[in-house]
């Protein structure tokens, strides 16, 4: 598939594929809406995508609540969970979306965090909603 064709796909899967292909040890990537629904996924079957979307949404929500409780503004930049053989990364992307990446334990968190932030910026140019303007009165 040509690069132009991949970039014209509106489902963002090509961005996730690119991240997983370029970052060593990355295996699964999901882009989630602000309410926790998977918008795009790469590397996982549909049933697992739904479960991981729920996990990412829950982890993000818990981190946000913790931030509010410790007098922070509740904004979440990144949450990392180190499991036995896997590392789970959840970041806030543009326009209220979230990005989940699952990688092997040997993944470099600095490299992955950088790449996830860059992907979030790329996504933001496509999912942001322009500010609403008040309706003009007729007369």
N, C-alpha and C. Protein backbone atom coordinates (compact mmCIF):
# COMPACT_ATOMS: atom_id res chain seq x y z
N UNK A 1 0.86 -1.17 0.00
CA UNK A 1 0.00 0.00 0.00
C UNK A 1 0.90 1.23 0.00
N UNK A 2 0.61 2.18 -0.86
CA UNK A 2 1.46 3.37 -0.95
C UNK A 2 1.27 4.27 0.27
N UNK A 3 2.27 5.11 0.52
CA UNK A 3 2.21 6.04 1.66
C UNK A 3 1.03 6.99 1.51
N UNK A 4 0.78 7.48 0.29
CA UNK A 4 -0.32 8.41 0.07
C UNK A 4 -1.65 7.75 0.40
N UNK A 5 -1.84 6.51 -0.03
CA UNK A 5 -3.08 5.81 0.27
C UNK A 5 -3.23 5.61 1.78
N UNK A 6 -2.14 5.22 2.44
CA UNK A 6 -2.20 5.00 3.89
C UNK A 6 -2.57 6.28 4.60
N UNK A 7 -1.99 7.41 4.20
CA UNK A 7 -2.24 8.66 4.90
C UNK A 7 -3.64 9.20 4.65
N UNK A 8 -4.31 8.75 3.59
CA UNK A 8 -5.64 9.25 3.32
C UNK A 8 -6.72 8.49 4.08
N UNK A 9 -6.34 7.40 4.77
CA UNK A 9 -7.32 6.63 5.53
C UNK A 9 -7.75 7.43 6.76
N UNK A 10 -9.05 7.58 6.95
CA UNK A 10 -9.52 8.40 8.07
C UNK A 10 -9.53 7.69 9.41
N UNK A 11 -9.18 6.41 9.47
CA UNK A 11 -9.32 5.66 10.71
C UNK A 11 -8.08 5.65 11.60
N UNK A 12 -7.02 6.32 11.21
CA UNK A 12 -5.80 6.45 12.01
C UNK A 12 -5.03 5.16 12.22
N UNK A 13 -5.49 4.05 11.66
CA UNK A 13 -4.78 2.79 11.85
C UNK A 13 -3.36 2.89 11.30
N UNK A 14 -3.19 3.58 10.20
CA UNK A 14 -1.86 3.68 9.61
C UNK A 14 -0.88 4.37 10.55
N UNK A 15 -1.33 5.34 11.34
CA UNK A 15 -0.46 5.99 12.32
C UNK A 15 -0.03 5.02 13.41
N UNK A 16 -0.96 4.20 13.86
CA UNK A 16 -0.66 3.21 14.90
C UNK A 16 0.27 2.13 14.37
N UNK A 17 0.03 1.69 13.13
CA UNK A 17 0.91 0.71 12.50
C UNK A 17 2.33 1.25 12.42
N UNK A 18 2.45 2.50 12.03
CA UNK A 18 3.76 3.13 11.90
C UNK A 18 4.48 3.18 13.23
N UNK A 19 3.78 3.55 14.29
CA UNK A 19 4.39 3.62 15.62
C UNK A 19 4.89 2.24 16.05
N UNK A 20 4.05 1.22 15.92
CA UNK A 20 4.43 -0.14 16.33
C UNK A 20 5.58 -0.65 15.48
N UNK A 21 5.59 -0.33 14.21
CA UNK A 21 6.66 -0.79 13.32
C UNK A 21 8.00 -0.10 13.64
N UNK A 22 7.96 1.16 14.03
CA UNK A 22 9.19 1.93 14.24
C UNK A 22 9.79 1.81 15.64
N UNK A 23 8.96 1.60 16.64
CA UNK A 23 9.46 1.59 18.02
C UNK A 23 9.75 0.15 18.45
N UNK A 24 11.01 -0.13 18.76
CA UNK A 24 11.36 -1.49 19.17
C UNK A 24 10.54 -1.95 20.38
N UNK A 25 10.06 -3.18 20.31
CA UNK A 25 9.33 -3.87 21.37
C UNK A 25 7.87 -3.42 21.51
N UNK A 26 7.41 -2.43 20.74
CA UNK A 26 5.99 -2.06 20.77
C UNK A 26 5.20 -3.15 20.07
N UNK A 27 4.03 -3.51 20.63
CA UNK A 27 3.24 -4.61 20.07
C UNK A 27 1.82 -4.21 19.70
N UNK A 28 1.19 -3.41 20.54
CA UNK A 28 -0.22 -3.05 20.34
C UNK A 28 -0.35 -1.55 20.55
N UNK A 29 -1.18 -0.92 19.72
CA UNK A 29 -1.46 0.51 19.89
C UNK A 29 -2.94 0.75 19.65
N UNK A 30 -3.53 1.59 20.51
CA UNK A 30 -4.94 1.96 20.39
C UNK A 30 -5.08 3.46 20.53
N UNK A 31 -5.96 4.03 19.75
CA UNK A 31 -6.36 5.43 19.91
C UNK A 31 -7.78 5.41 20.44
N UNK A 32 -8.01 6.10 21.55
CA UNK A 32 -9.31 6.10 22.21
C UNK A 32 -9.94 7.48 22.20
N UNK A 33 -11.24 7.52 22.14
CA UNK A 33 -11.95 8.78 22.30
C UNK A 33 -11.91 9.18 23.77
N UNK A 34 -12.31 10.39 24.06
CA UNK A 34 -12.34 10.88 25.43
C UNK A 34 -13.22 10.06 26.35
N UNK A 35 -14.22 9.41 25.79
CA UNK A 35 -15.11 8.59 26.62
C UNK A 35 -14.71 7.11 26.63
N UNK A 36 -13.50 6.81 26.13
CA UNK A 36 -12.95 5.47 26.26
C UNK A 36 -13.28 4.48 25.16
N UNK A 37 -13.84 4.93 24.05
CA UNK A 37 -14.15 4.02 22.95
C UNK A 37 -12.98 3.98 21.97
N UNK A 38 -12.65 2.79 21.50
CA UNK A 38 -11.55 2.64 20.55
C UNK A 38 -11.93 3.30 19.23
N UNK A 39 -11.07 4.21 18.78
CA UNK A 39 -11.25 4.86 17.48
C UNK A 39 -10.44 4.15 16.40
N UNK A 40 -9.31 3.56 16.80
CA UNK A 40 -8.44 2.84 15.88
C UNK A 40 -7.55 1.92 16.71
N UNK A 41 -7.14 0.82 16.10
CA UNK A 41 -6.29 -0.14 16.82
C UNK A 41 -5.39 -0.86 15.84
N UNK A 42 -4.24 -1.28 16.36
CA UNK A 42 -3.32 -2.10 15.58
C UNK A 42 -2.67 -3.11 16.51
N UNK A 43 -2.66 -4.38 16.08
CA UNK A 43 -1.95 -5.42 16.81
C UNK A 43 -2.80 -6.25 17.75
N UNK A 44 -4.10 -6.04 17.78
CA UNK A 44 -4.97 -6.79 18.69
C UNK A 44 -6.28 -7.14 18.00
N UNK A 45 -6.85 -8.27 18.41
CA UNK A 45 -8.15 -8.70 17.91
C UNK A 45 -9.25 -7.81 18.50
N UNK A 46 -10.40 -7.70 17.83
CA UNK A 46 -11.47 -6.80 18.30
C UNK A 46 -11.90 -6.99 19.76
N UNK A 47 -12.01 -8.24 20.22
CA UNK A 47 -12.41 -8.46 21.63
C UNK A 47 -11.37 -7.89 22.59
N UNK A 48 -10.10 -8.08 22.28
CA UNK A 48 -9.03 -7.54 23.12
C UNK A 48 -9.00 -6.02 23.05
N UNK A 49 -9.27 -5.47 21.87
CA UNK A 49 -9.29 -4.01 21.72
C UNK A 49 -10.30 -3.40 22.68
N UNK A 50 -11.50 -3.97 22.75
CA UNK A 50 -12.53 -3.45 23.65
C UNK A 50 -12.10 -3.53 25.11
N UNK A 51 -11.48 -4.64 25.49
CA UNK A 51 -11.01 -4.80 26.87
C UNK A 51 -9.90 -3.80 27.19
N UNK A 52 -8.96 -3.65 26.27
CA UNK A 52 -7.86 -2.72 26.49
C UNK A 52 -8.34 -1.27 26.52
N UNK A 53 -9.34 -0.95 25.72
CA UNK A 53 -9.91 0.40 25.75
C UNK A 53 -10.51 0.69 27.12
N UNK A 54 -11.20 -0.29 27.67
CA UNK A 54 -11.78 -0.12 29.01
C UNK A 54 -10.68 0.02 30.06
N UNK A 55 -9.63 -0.78 29.96
CA UNK A 55 -8.51 -0.70 30.90
C UNK A 55 -7.86 0.68 30.82
N UNK A 56 -7.55 1.13 29.61
CA UNK A 56 -6.89 2.43 29.43
C UNK A 56 -7.75 3.57 29.96
N UNK A 57 -9.05 3.50 29.70
CA UNK A 57 -9.95 4.52 30.20
C UNK A 57 -9.99 4.53 31.72
N UNK A 58 -10.03 3.33 32.31
CA UNK A 58 -10.04 3.23 33.77
C UNK A 58 -8.76 3.73 34.40
N UNK A 59 -7.62 3.35 33.84
CA UNK A 59 -6.34 3.80 34.37
C UNK A 59 -6.23 5.31 34.27
N UNK A 60 -6.62 5.85 33.14
CA UNK A 60 -6.56 7.30 32.95
C UNK A 60 -7.48 8.01 33.95
N UNK A 61 -8.67 7.47 34.15
CA UNK A 61 -9.61 8.06 35.11
C UNK A 61 -9.09 8.03 36.53
N UNK A 62 -8.47 6.92 36.92
CA UNK A 62 -7.89 6.82 38.26
C UNK A 62 -6.76 7.83 38.45
N UNK A 63 -5.91 7.96 37.44
CA UNK A 63 -4.81 8.93 37.53
C UNK A 63 -5.36 10.35 37.61
N UNK A 64 -6.40 10.64 36.86
CA UNK A 64 -7.01 11.98 36.90
C UNK A 64 -7.58 12.27 38.29
N UNK A 65 -8.27 11.31 38.87
CA UNK A 65 -8.82 11.47 40.22
C UNK A 65 -7.70 11.67 41.23
N UNK A 66 -6.63 10.90 41.12
CA UNK A 66 -5.49 11.07 42.02
C UNK A 66 -4.92 12.48 41.89
N UNK A 67 -4.81 12.97 40.68
CA UNK A 67 -4.31 14.33 40.46
C UNK A 67 -5.17 15.38 41.10
N UNK A 68 -6.46 15.21 41.02
CA UNK A 68 -7.38 16.17 41.64
C UNK A 68 -7.24 16.13 43.15
N UNK A 69 -7.10 14.94 43.71
CA UNK A 69 -7.01 14.78 45.16
C UNK A 69 -5.73 15.35 45.76
N UNK A 70 -4.67 15.41 44.98
CA UNK A 70 -3.41 15.96 45.50
C UNK A 70 -3.21 17.40 45.06
N UNK A 71 -4.33 18.09 44.82
CA UNK A 71 -4.35 19.52 44.50
C UNK A 71 -3.71 19.85 43.17
N UNK A 72 -3.65 18.90 42.28
CA UNK A 72 -3.19 19.15 40.93
C UNK A 72 -4.44 19.52 40.12
N UNK A 73 -4.28 19.84 38.87
CA UNK A 73 -5.45 20.19 38.06
C UNK A 73 -6.18 18.98 37.51
N UNK A 74 -5.66 17.78 37.76
CA UNK A 74 -6.31 16.57 37.28
C UNK A 74 -5.92 16.20 35.87
N UNK A 75 -5.05 17.00 35.25
CA UNK A 75 -4.59 16.67 33.91
C UNK A 75 -3.62 15.50 33.96
N UNK A 76 -3.78 14.56 33.07
CA UNK A 76 -2.92 13.37 33.02
C UNK A 76 -2.10 13.43 31.75
N UNK A 77 -0.80 13.40 31.90
CA UNK A 77 0.08 13.37 30.73
C UNK A 77 0.41 11.94 30.34
N UNK A 78 0.76 11.11 31.34
CA UNK A 78 1.17 9.75 31.02
C UNK A 78 1.03 8.85 32.25
N UNK A 79 0.61 7.62 32.02
CA UNK A 79 0.55 6.60 33.06
C UNK A 79 1.28 5.37 32.51
N UNK A 80 2.18 4.82 33.33
CA UNK A 80 2.93 3.63 32.92
C UNK A 80 2.68 2.54 33.95
N UNK A 81 2.31 1.36 33.46
CA UNK A 81 2.15 0.19 34.34
C UNK A 81 3.14 -0.87 33.89
N UNK A 82 4.07 -1.23 34.78
CA UNK A 82 5.03 -2.27 34.48
C UNK A 82 4.48 -3.59 34.99
N UNK A 83 4.18 -4.48 34.06
CA UNK A 83 3.67 -5.80 34.39
C UNK A 83 4.82 -6.80 34.35
N UNK A 84 4.55 -8.06 34.56
CA UNK A 84 5.61 -9.07 34.62
C UNK A 84 6.48 -9.10 33.36
N UNK A 85 5.86 -9.11 32.20
CA UNK A 85 6.62 -9.21 30.95
C UNK A 85 6.26 -8.11 29.96
N UNK A 86 5.42 -7.20 30.36
CA UNK A 86 4.87 -6.20 29.45
C UNK A 86 4.82 -4.85 30.16
N UNK A 87 4.91 -3.80 29.39
CA UNK A 87 4.70 -2.45 29.92
C UNK A 87 3.54 -1.82 29.17
N UNK A 88 2.64 -1.20 29.91
CA UNK A 88 1.46 -0.57 29.36
C UNK A 88 1.61 0.94 29.53
N UNK A 89 1.51 1.68 28.45
CA UNK A 89 1.64 3.14 28.45
C UNK A 89 0.31 3.76 28.04
N UNK A 90 -0.19 4.71 28.81
CA UNK A 90 -1.39 5.45 28.45
C UNK A 90 -1.03 6.93 28.50
N UNK A 91 -1.26 7.64 27.40
CA UNK A 91 -1.00 9.08 27.37
C UNK A 91 -2.24 9.81 26.89
N UNK A 92 -2.28 11.07 27.25
CA UNK A 92 -3.32 11.95 26.72
C UNK A 92 -2.83 12.45 25.38
N UNK A 93 -3.65 12.31 24.38
CA UNK A 93 -3.32 12.82 23.05
C UNK A 93 -4.14 14.09 22.83
N UNK A 94 -4.15 14.57 21.64
CA UNK A 94 -4.83 15.83 21.32
C UNK A 94 -6.34 15.71 21.39
N UNK A 95 -6.96 16.81 21.62
CA UNK A 95 -8.42 16.95 21.59
C UNK A 95 -9.13 15.96 22.50
N UNK A 96 -8.53 15.65 23.66
CA UNK A 96 -9.18 14.78 24.63
C UNK A 96 -9.09 13.30 24.34
N UNK A 97 -8.36 12.92 23.30
CA UNK A 97 -8.22 11.50 23.00
C UNK A 97 -7.11 10.92 23.87
N UNK A 98 -7.02 9.60 23.89
CA UNK A 98 -6.00 8.91 24.64
C UNK A 98 -5.32 7.88 23.75
N UNK A 99 -4.08 7.60 24.08
CA UNK A 99 -3.32 6.65 23.31
C UNK A 99 -2.79 5.59 24.26
N UNK A 100 -3.01 4.33 23.91
CA UNK A 100 -2.52 3.20 24.68
C UNK A 100 -1.52 2.44 23.82
N UNK A 101 -0.36 2.14 24.39
CA UNK A 101 0.62 1.29 23.71
C UNK A 101 1.05 0.23 24.69
N UNK A 102 1.08 -1.00 24.21
CA UNK A 102 1.59 -2.11 24.99
C UNK A 102 2.89 -2.55 24.33
N UNK A 103 3.92 -2.65 25.17
CA UNK A 103 5.25 -2.98 24.66
C UNK A 103 5.89 -4.01 25.58
N UNK A 104 6.91 -4.65 25.07
CA UNK A 104 7.69 -5.57 25.88
C UNK A 104 8.48 -4.81 26.93
N UNK A 105 8.93 -5.52 27.95
CA UNK A 105 9.66 -4.89 29.06
C UNK A 105 10.95 -4.21 28.62
N UNK A 106 11.50 -4.59 27.47
CA UNK A 106 12.75 -4.00 27.00
C UNK A 106 12.55 -2.70 26.24
N UNK A 107 11.31 -2.26 26.08
CA UNK A 107 11.04 -1.00 25.38
C UNK A 107 11.64 0.16 26.18
N UNK A 108 12.19 1.12 25.47
CA UNK A 108 12.75 2.31 26.10
C UNK A 108 11.60 3.29 26.37
N UNK A 109 11.28 3.56 27.65
CA UNK A 109 10.14 4.43 27.94
C UNK A 109 10.32 5.85 27.41
N UNK A 110 11.55 6.33 27.34
CA UNK A 110 11.78 7.67 26.81
C UNK A 110 11.47 7.75 25.33
N UNK A 111 11.93 6.77 24.58
CA UNK A 111 11.67 6.73 23.14
C UNK A 111 10.17 6.55 22.89
N UNK A 112 9.56 5.63 23.61
CA UNK A 112 8.13 5.38 23.40
C UNK A 112 7.30 6.59 23.79
N UNK A 113 7.63 7.23 24.91
CA UNK A 113 6.91 8.44 25.32
C UNK A 113 7.02 9.54 24.29
N UNK A 114 8.22 9.73 23.74
CA UNK A 114 8.42 10.74 22.70
C UNK A 114 7.57 10.44 21.47
N UNK A 115 7.62 9.19 21.02
CA UNK A 115 6.87 8.79 19.82
C UNK A 115 5.36 8.90 20.04
N UNK A 116 4.91 8.58 21.25
CA UNK A 116 3.48 8.69 21.54
C UNK A 116 3.06 10.16 21.54
N UNK A 117 3.89 11.04 22.08
CA UNK A 117 3.57 12.47 22.07
C UNK A 117 3.53 13.01 20.64
N UNK A 118 4.48 12.58 19.82
CA UNK A 118 4.49 13.01 18.42
C UNK A 118 3.25 12.51 17.69
N UNK A 119 2.84 11.28 17.95
CA UNK A 119 1.64 10.75 17.33
C UNK A 119 0.41 11.53 17.80
N UNK A 120 0.37 11.87 19.09
CA UNK A 120 -0.74 12.67 19.61
C UNK A 120 -0.88 13.99 18.90
N UNK A 121 0.24 14.63 18.59
CA UNK A 121 0.21 15.90 17.85
C UNK A 121 -0.30 15.69 16.44
N UNK A 122 0.12 14.59 15.81
CA UNK A 122 -0.34 14.31 14.44
C UNK A 122 -1.84 14.04 14.43
N UNK A 123 -2.32 13.31 15.42
CA UNK A 123 -3.74 13.00 15.51
C UNK A 123 -4.54 14.29 15.73
N UNK A 124 -3.99 15.18 16.53
CA UNK A 124 -4.69 16.42 16.87
C UNK A 124 -5.07 17.26 15.69
N UNK A 125 -4.28 17.20 14.64
CA UNK A 125 -4.62 17.98 13.45
C UNK A 125 -5.83 17.43 12.73
N UNK A 126 -6.23 16.20 13.06
CA UNK A 126 -7.35 15.56 12.38
C UNK A 126 -8.60 15.40 13.25
N UNK A 127 -8.45 15.40 14.57
CA UNK A 127 -9.61 15.17 15.42
C UNK A 127 -10.07 16.40 16.19
N UNK A 128 -9.31 17.47 16.12
CA UNK A 128 -9.73 18.65 16.89
C UNK A 128 -10.98 19.25 16.28
N UNK A 129 -11.80 19.81 17.15
CA UNK A 129 -13.04 20.42 16.73
C UNK A 129 -12.90 21.93 16.86
N UNK A 130 -13.23 22.70 15.82
CA UNK A 130 -13.11 24.15 15.93
C UNK A 130 -14.05 24.70 16.98
N UNK A 131 -13.66 25.80 17.61
CA UNK A 131 -14.50 26.43 18.63
C UNK A 131 -15.80 26.89 18.02
N UNK A 132 -16.87 26.75 18.77
CA UNK A 132 -18.17 27.20 18.30
C UNK A 132 -18.28 28.70 18.43
N UNK A 133 -19.00 29.29 17.51
CA UNK A 133 -19.25 30.72 17.58
C UNK A 133 -20.72 30.95 17.82
N UNK A 134 -21.09 32.01 18.54
CA UNK A 134 -22.51 32.27 18.78
C UNK A 134 -23.26 32.47 17.48
N UNK A 135 -24.49 32.00 17.45
CA UNK A 135 -25.32 32.15 16.25
C UNK A 135 -25.65 33.63 16.06
N UNK A 136 -25.63 34.05 14.82
CA UNK A 136 -25.97 35.44 14.49
C UNK A 136 -27.50 35.60 14.55
N UNK A 137 -27.95 36.66 15.17
CA UNK A 137 -29.41 36.89 15.19
C UNK A 137 -29.84 37.44 13.85
N UNK A 138 -31.04 37.09 13.45
CA UNK A 138 -31.55 37.47 12.13
C UNK A 138 -32.28 38.78 12.18
N UNK A 139 -31.62 39.81 12.39
CA UNK A 139 -32.38 40.98 12.24
C UNK A 139 -32.26 42.10 13.07
